[in-house]
N, C-alpha and C. Protein backbone atom coordinates (compact mmCIF):
# COMPACT_ATOMS: atom_id res chain seq x y z
N UNK A 1 118.32 119.25 107.12
CA UNK A 1 118.06 119.47 105.72
C UNK A 1 117.82 118.11 105.05
N UNK A 2 116.73 117.97 104.25
CA UNK A 2 116.46 116.69 103.61
C UNK A 2 117.48 116.38 102.51
N UNK A 3 117.75 115.11 102.33
CA UNK A 3 118.63 114.67 101.25
C UNK A 3 117.91 114.84 99.92
N UNK A 4 118.63 115.23 98.88
CA UNK A 4 118.08 115.29 97.53
C UNK A 4 118.54 114.05 96.79
N UNK A 5 117.58 113.34 96.19
CA UNK A 5 117.88 112.08 95.51
C UNK A 5 117.33 112.13 94.10
N UNK A 6 118.14 111.69 93.14
CA UNK A 6 117.72 111.56 91.75
C UNK A 6 117.63 110.08 91.43
N UNK A 7 116.47 109.64 90.94
CA UNK A 7 116.27 108.24 90.57
C UNK A 7 116.05 108.19 89.07
N UNK A 8 116.83 107.36 88.39
CA UNK A 8 116.69 107.18 86.95
C UNK A 8 115.82 105.96 86.71
N UNK A 9 114.66 106.19 86.11
CA UNK A 9 113.74 105.10 85.81
C UNK A 9 112.49 105.15 86.66
N UNK A 10 111.32 105.17 86.00
CA UNK A 10 110.05 105.25 86.71
C UNK A 10 109.27 103.95 86.61
N UNK A 11 109.99 102.84 86.58
CA UNK A 11 109.34 101.53 86.63
C UNK A 11 109.00 101.19 88.07
N UNK A 12 108.67 99.94 88.31
CA UNK A 12 108.25 99.55 89.65
C UNK A 12 109.36 99.73 90.68
N UNK A 13 110.60 99.46 90.30
CA UNK A 13 111.71 99.62 91.24
C UNK A 13 111.96 101.09 91.53
N UNK A 14 112.08 101.90 90.48
CA UNK A 14 112.33 103.33 90.67
C UNK A 14 111.20 104.02 91.41
N UNK A 15 109.96 103.70 91.05
CA UNK A 15 108.81 104.32 91.70
C UNK A 15 108.71 103.89 93.17
N UNK A 16 108.97 102.62 93.44
CA UNK A 16 108.92 102.14 94.83
C UNK A 16 110.01 102.78 95.67
N UNK A 17 111.19 102.89 95.09
CA UNK A 17 112.29 103.53 95.80
C UNK A 17 111.98 105.00 96.07
N UNK A 18 111.42 105.69 95.08
CA UNK A 18 111.04 107.10 95.26
C UNK A 18 110.00 107.24 96.37
N UNK A 19 109.04 106.35 96.37
CA UNK A 19 107.99 106.38 97.39
C UNK A 19 108.58 106.21 98.78
N UNK A 20 109.41 105.20 98.96
CA UNK A 20 109.98 104.93 100.28
C UNK A 20 110.91 106.05 100.73
N UNK A 21 111.76 106.54 99.84
CA UNK A 21 112.66 107.62 100.22
C UNK A 21 111.90 108.89 100.59
N UNK A 22 110.85 109.20 99.82
CA UNK A 22 110.07 110.41 100.14
C UNK A 22 109.32 110.25 101.46
N UNK A 23 108.89 109.04 101.78
CA UNK A 23 108.24 108.79 103.07
C UNK A 23 109.19 109.06 104.23
N UNK A 24 110.47 108.88 103.98
CA UNK A 24 111.47 109.09 105.02
C UNK A 24 112.12 110.46 104.94
N UNK A 25 111.49 111.39 104.21
CA UNK A 25 111.93 112.77 104.23
C UNK A 25 112.85 113.23 103.12
N UNK A 26 113.22 112.36 102.20
CA UNK A 26 114.10 112.77 101.11
C UNK A 26 113.32 113.57 100.07
N UNK A 27 114.00 114.50 99.44
CA UNK A 27 113.44 115.23 98.30
C UNK A 27 113.81 114.42 97.06
N UNK A 28 112.82 113.80 96.42
CA UNK A 28 113.08 112.84 95.35
C UNK A 28 112.63 113.37 94.00
N UNK A 29 113.49 113.22 93.00
CA UNK A 29 113.16 113.52 91.61
C UNK A 29 113.36 112.24 90.81
N UNK A 30 112.35 111.87 90.01
CA UNK A 30 112.43 110.67 89.18
C UNK A 30 112.50 111.09 87.72
N UNK A 31 113.50 110.59 87.00
CA UNK A 31 113.64 110.86 85.58
C UNK A 31 113.46 109.57 84.80
N UNK A 32 112.72 109.66 83.71
CA UNK A 32 112.55 108.51 82.83
C UNK A 32 112.46 109.04 81.41
N UNK A 33 112.95 108.28 80.45
CA UNK A 33 112.91 108.72 79.05
C UNK A 33 111.52 108.61 78.45
N UNK A 34 110.61 107.96 79.14
CA UNK A 34 109.23 107.81 78.66
C UNK A 34 108.29 108.05 79.84
N UNK A 35 107.08 107.52 79.75
CA UNK A 35 106.12 107.67 80.84
C UNK A 35 106.36 106.59 81.90
N UNK A 36 105.90 106.80 83.14
CA UNK A 36 106.10 105.79 84.18
C UNK A 36 105.54 104.43 83.78
N UNK A 37 106.30 103.40 84.07
CA UNK A 37 105.92 102.00 83.83
C UNK A 37 105.66 101.70 82.36
N UNK A 38 106.32 102.41 81.45
CA UNK A 38 106.09 102.18 80.03
C UNK A 38 107.01 101.11 79.43
N UNK A 39 108.01 100.67 80.16
CA UNK A 39 108.91 99.64 79.64
C UNK A 39 108.58 98.30 80.30
N UNK A 40 109.55 97.63 80.86
CA UNK A 40 109.35 96.27 81.40
C UNK A 40 108.28 96.22 82.49
N UNK A 41 108.22 97.20 83.37
CA UNK A 41 107.24 97.18 84.46
C UNK A 41 105.81 97.25 83.94
N UNK A 42 105.60 97.92 82.83
CA UNK A 42 104.27 98.05 82.27
C UNK A 42 103.86 96.89 81.39
N UNK A 43 104.77 95.98 81.12
CA UNK A 43 104.49 94.85 80.25
C UNK A 43 104.65 93.51 80.97
N UNK A 44 104.56 93.54 82.26
CA UNK A 44 104.75 92.34 83.06
C UNK A 44 103.51 91.44 82.98
N UNK A 45 103.74 90.16 83.09
CA UNK A 45 102.63 89.21 83.18
C UNK A 45 102.28 88.93 84.64
N UNK A 46 102.86 89.70 85.56
CA UNK A 46 102.63 89.49 86.99
C UNK A 46 101.44 90.25 87.53
N UNK A 47 100.47 90.58 86.71
CA UNK A 47 99.30 91.32 87.17
C UNK A 47 98.04 90.53 86.86
N UNK A 48 96.99 90.90 87.50
CA UNK A 48 95.70 90.23 87.30
C UNK A 48 94.75 91.21 86.61
N UNK A 49 94.18 90.78 85.53
CA UNK A 49 93.16 91.57 84.85
C UNK A 49 92.27 90.64 84.04
N UNK A 50 91.32 91.22 83.37
CA UNK A 50 90.43 90.41 82.54
C UNK A 50 90.53 90.82 81.08
N UNK A 51 91.56 91.53 80.72
CA UNK A 51 91.72 92.02 79.35
C UNK A 51 92.44 91.00 78.48
N UNK A 52 92.30 91.17 77.20
CA UNK A 52 93.07 90.43 76.20
C UNK A 52 92.78 88.93 76.17
N UNK A 53 91.61 88.52 76.59
CA UNK A 53 91.28 87.10 76.56
C UNK A 53 90.01 86.88 75.75
N UNK A 54 90.15 86.36 74.53
CA UNK A 54 88.96 86.14 73.70
C UNK A 54 88.09 84.99 74.21
N UNK A 55 88.66 84.10 75.02
CA UNK A 55 87.91 82.98 75.56
C UNK A 55 87.00 83.49 76.68
N UNK A 56 85.69 83.33 76.52
CA UNK A 56 84.71 83.88 77.47
C UNK A 56 84.85 83.27 78.87
N UNK A 57 85.13 81.99 78.97
CA UNK A 57 85.26 81.36 80.28
C UNK A 57 86.47 81.92 81.02
N UNK A 58 87.57 82.05 80.32
CA UNK A 58 88.78 82.60 80.93
C UNK A 58 88.52 84.04 81.39
N UNK A 59 87.87 84.83 80.54
CA UNK A 59 87.56 86.22 80.89
C UNK A 59 86.68 86.29 82.14
N UNK A 60 85.61 85.50 82.18
CA UNK A 60 84.69 85.54 83.33
C UNK A 60 85.38 85.07 84.61
N UNK A 61 86.22 84.06 84.51
CA UNK A 61 86.93 83.57 85.69
C UNK A 61 87.84 84.65 86.26
N UNK A 62 88.61 85.29 85.39
CA UNK A 62 89.52 86.34 85.85
C UNK A 62 88.73 87.53 86.38
N UNK A 63 87.65 87.89 85.73
CA UNK A 63 86.82 89.01 86.19
C UNK A 63 86.26 88.73 87.59
N UNK A 64 85.87 87.50 87.84
CA UNK A 64 85.34 87.12 89.14
C UNK A 64 86.40 87.25 90.23
N UNK A 65 87.66 86.92 89.91
CA UNK A 65 88.73 86.90 90.92
C UNK A 65 89.26 88.29 91.28
N UNK A 66 89.13 89.25 90.41
CA UNK A 66 89.71 90.57 90.67
C UNK A 66 89.21 91.17 91.98
N UNK A 67 87.90 91.25 92.25
CA UNK A 67 87.45 91.83 93.53
C UNK A 67 87.91 91.02 94.75
N UNK A 68 88.10 89.73 94.58
CA UNK A 68 88.55 88.90 95.71
C UNK A 68 89.96 89.29 96.16
N UNK A 69 90.78 89.75 95.22
CA UNK A 69 92.15 90.13 95.56
C UNK A 69 92.19 91.35 96.47
N UNK A 70 91.15 92.16 96.45
CA UNK A 70 91.11 93.36 97.29
C UNK A 70 91.12 93.01 98.78
N UNK A 71 90.81 91.78 99.11
CA UNK A 71 90.75 91.36 100.50
C UNK A 71 91.97 90.55 100.93
N UNK A 72 92.97 90.45 100.06
CA UNK A 72 94.19 89.70 100.41
C UNK A 72 94.94 90.41 101.53
N UNK A 73 95.28 89.67 102.55
CA UNK A 73 96.03 90.22 103.67
C UNK A 73 97.42 90.64 103.21
N UNK A 74 97.86 91.77 103.69
CA UNK A 74 99.20 92.24 103.35
C UNK A 74 99.27 93.04 102.07
N UNK A 75 98.14 93.27 101.42
CA UNK A 75 98.15 94.05 100.18
C UNK A 75 98.58 95.47 100.46
N UNK A 76 99.36 96.02 99.58
CA UNK A 76 99.82 97.39 99.77
C UNK A 76 99.85 98.09 98.42
N UNK A 77 99.08 99.16 98.33
CA UNK A 77 99.06 99.94 97.09
C UNK A 77 100.14 101.00 97.16
N UNK A 78 100.76 101.23 96.03
CA UNK A 78 101.81 102.25 95.96
C UNK A 78 101.15 103.61 95.83
N UNK A 79 101.58 104.53 96.68
CA UNK A 79 101.15 105.93 96.60
C UNK A 79 102.40 106.76 96.45
N UNK A 80 102.37 107.69 95.55
CA UNK A 80 103.53 108.54 95.35
C UNK A 80 103.39 109.75 96.26
N UNK A 81 104.32 109.89 97.17
CA UNK A 81 104.31 110.99 98.13
C UNK A 81 105.44 111.95 97.80
N UNK A 82 105.12 113.04 97.21
CA UNK A 82 106.09 114.08 96.89
C UNK A 82 107.17 113.60 95.92
N UNK A 83 106.85 112.65 95.06
CA UNK A 83 107.79 112.23 94.02
C UNK A 83 107.42 112.95 92.73
N UNK A 84 108.39 113.53 92.07
CA UNK A 84 108.13 114.30 90.85
C UNK A 84 108.52 113.47 89.63
N UNK A 85 107.59 113.35 88.69
CA UNK A 85 107.85 112.64 87.44
C UNK A 85 107.97 113.63 86.32
């Protein structure tokens, strides 16, 4: 019988934990008071994008780099497998 797990918080830690536990057969339920990644995880400066930069050179440089990151070795995208939000 699979373990039932309740995770409080749908930020990067809660979502990652839910993903890993569900991959290993646990029945996972994630509860959050808002939408996933709407608090600290959704406001991190640890991401790459080309938004919010009025400086054209900065915008073009970041836009150029985004597709290059798709080829970084070891990249792993999070997929939610049987996690309920």
